[in-house]
Amino acid sequence: MKSIEFTEGEINALVQLIDIAIKAGGLNVAQAGSVLAAKLTGQPVGPQEVDSSPMFAEPAELEDAPEEAEV
């Protein structure tokens, strides 16, 4: 493994270049680009937890909403 030191400005420029590459290449490069960007910025790279049972708010009643007509 090789180590390279970057300044904050260089890291920001690299992340911007990766962002441009992802936008141009789409899903084909998105995963690789996001891993590299996460490594450069020091963010966690592993799989993220996803809440499989989301909670939804109850629908709100609108005060001045017209009644729906039956068809």
Protein backbone atom coordinates (compact mmCIF):
# COMPACT_ATOMS: atom_id res chain seq x y z
CA MET A 1 0.00 0.00 0.00
CA LYS A 2 1.24 3.50 -0.81
CA SER A 3 0.50 6.65 1.14
CA ILE A 4 0.01 10.08 -0.39
CA GLU A 5 -0.48 13.28 1.58
CA PHE A 6 -2.93 15.89 0.29
CA THR A 7 -3.77 19.39 1.43
CA GLU A 8 -7.41 20.21 2.22
CA GLY A 9 -7.63 22.13 -1.08
CA GLU A 10 -6.34 19.14 -3.03
CA ILE A 11 -8.82 16.82 -1.30
CA ASN A 12 -11.68 19.19 -2.15
CA ALA A 13 -10.54 19.35 -5.78
CA LEU A 14 -10.35 15.54 -5.99
CA VAL A 15 -13.83 15.16 -4.50
CA GLN A 16 -15.16 17.68 -7.04
CA LEU A 17 -13.53 15.72 -9.87
CA ILE A 18 -15.04 12.48 -8.55
CA ASP A 19 -18.45 14.20 -8.37
CA ILE A 20 -18.13 15.32 -12.01
CA ALA A 21 -17.12 11.78 -13.05
CA ILE A 22 -20.12 10.27 -11.25
CA LYS A 23 -22.48 12.76 -12.92
CA ALA A 24 -20.98 11.98 -16.34
CA GLY A 25 -20.71 8.21 -15.89
CA GLY A 26 -23.89 7.62 -13.91
CA LEU A 27 -24.45 4.35 -12.09
CA ASN A 28 -21.49 2.72 -13.83
CA VAL A 29 -19.03 4.72 -11.71
CA ALA A 30 -21.17 5.80 -8.76
CA GLN A 31 -20.14 3.07 -6.33
CA ALA A 32 -16.41 3.36 -7.00
CA GLY A 33 -16.60 7.14 -6.88
CA SER A 34 -18.50 7.22 -3.61
CA VAL A 35 -15.98 4.86 -1.97
CA LEU A 36 -13.06 7.01 -3.09
CA ALA A 37 -14.76 10.24 -2.02
CA ALA A 38 -15.57 8.75 1.39
CA LYS A 39 -11.94 7.70 1.88
CA LEU A 40 -10.72 11.16 0.93
CA THR A 41 -13.08 12.94 3.30
CA GLY A 42 -12.66 10.47 6.17
CA GLN A 43 -16.27 9.29 6.17
CA PRO A 44 -17.15 5.65 6.94
CA VAL A 45 -16.95 3.39 3.89
CA GLY A 46 -18.72 0.20 5.06
CA PRO A 47 -22.33 -0.78 4.51
CA GLN A 48 -24.77 1.64 6.08
CA GLU A 49 -27.67 0.57 8.30
CA VAL A 50 -31.05 1.07 6.71
CA ASP A 51 -34.21 1.21 8.78
CA SER A 52 -36.39 -1.55 7.38
CA SER A 53 -39.49 -0.46 9.29
CA PRO A 54 -39.91 3.28 8.74
CA MET A 55 -42.55 5.16 10.71
CA PHE A 56 -44.88 7.49 8.88
CA ALA A 57 -46.79 10.43 10.28
CA GLU A 58 -50.58 10.36 10.30
CA PRO A 59 -52.15 12.37 7.46
CA ALA A 60 -53.19 15.87 8.48
CA GLU A 61 -56.68 17.24 7.97
CA LEU A 62 -56.77 20.49 6.00
CA GLU A 63 -58.98 23.10 7.64
CA ASP A 64 -60.39 24.81 4.54
CA ALA A 65 -60.13 21.92 2.10
CA PRO A 66 -63.20 21.34 -0.08
CA GLU A 67 -65.04 18.04 0.40
CA GLU A 68 -64.30 15.44 -2.27
CA ALA A 69 -67.23 14.79 -4.56
CA GLU A 70 -68.32 11.20 -5.03
CA VAL A 71 -68.30 9.95 -8.62
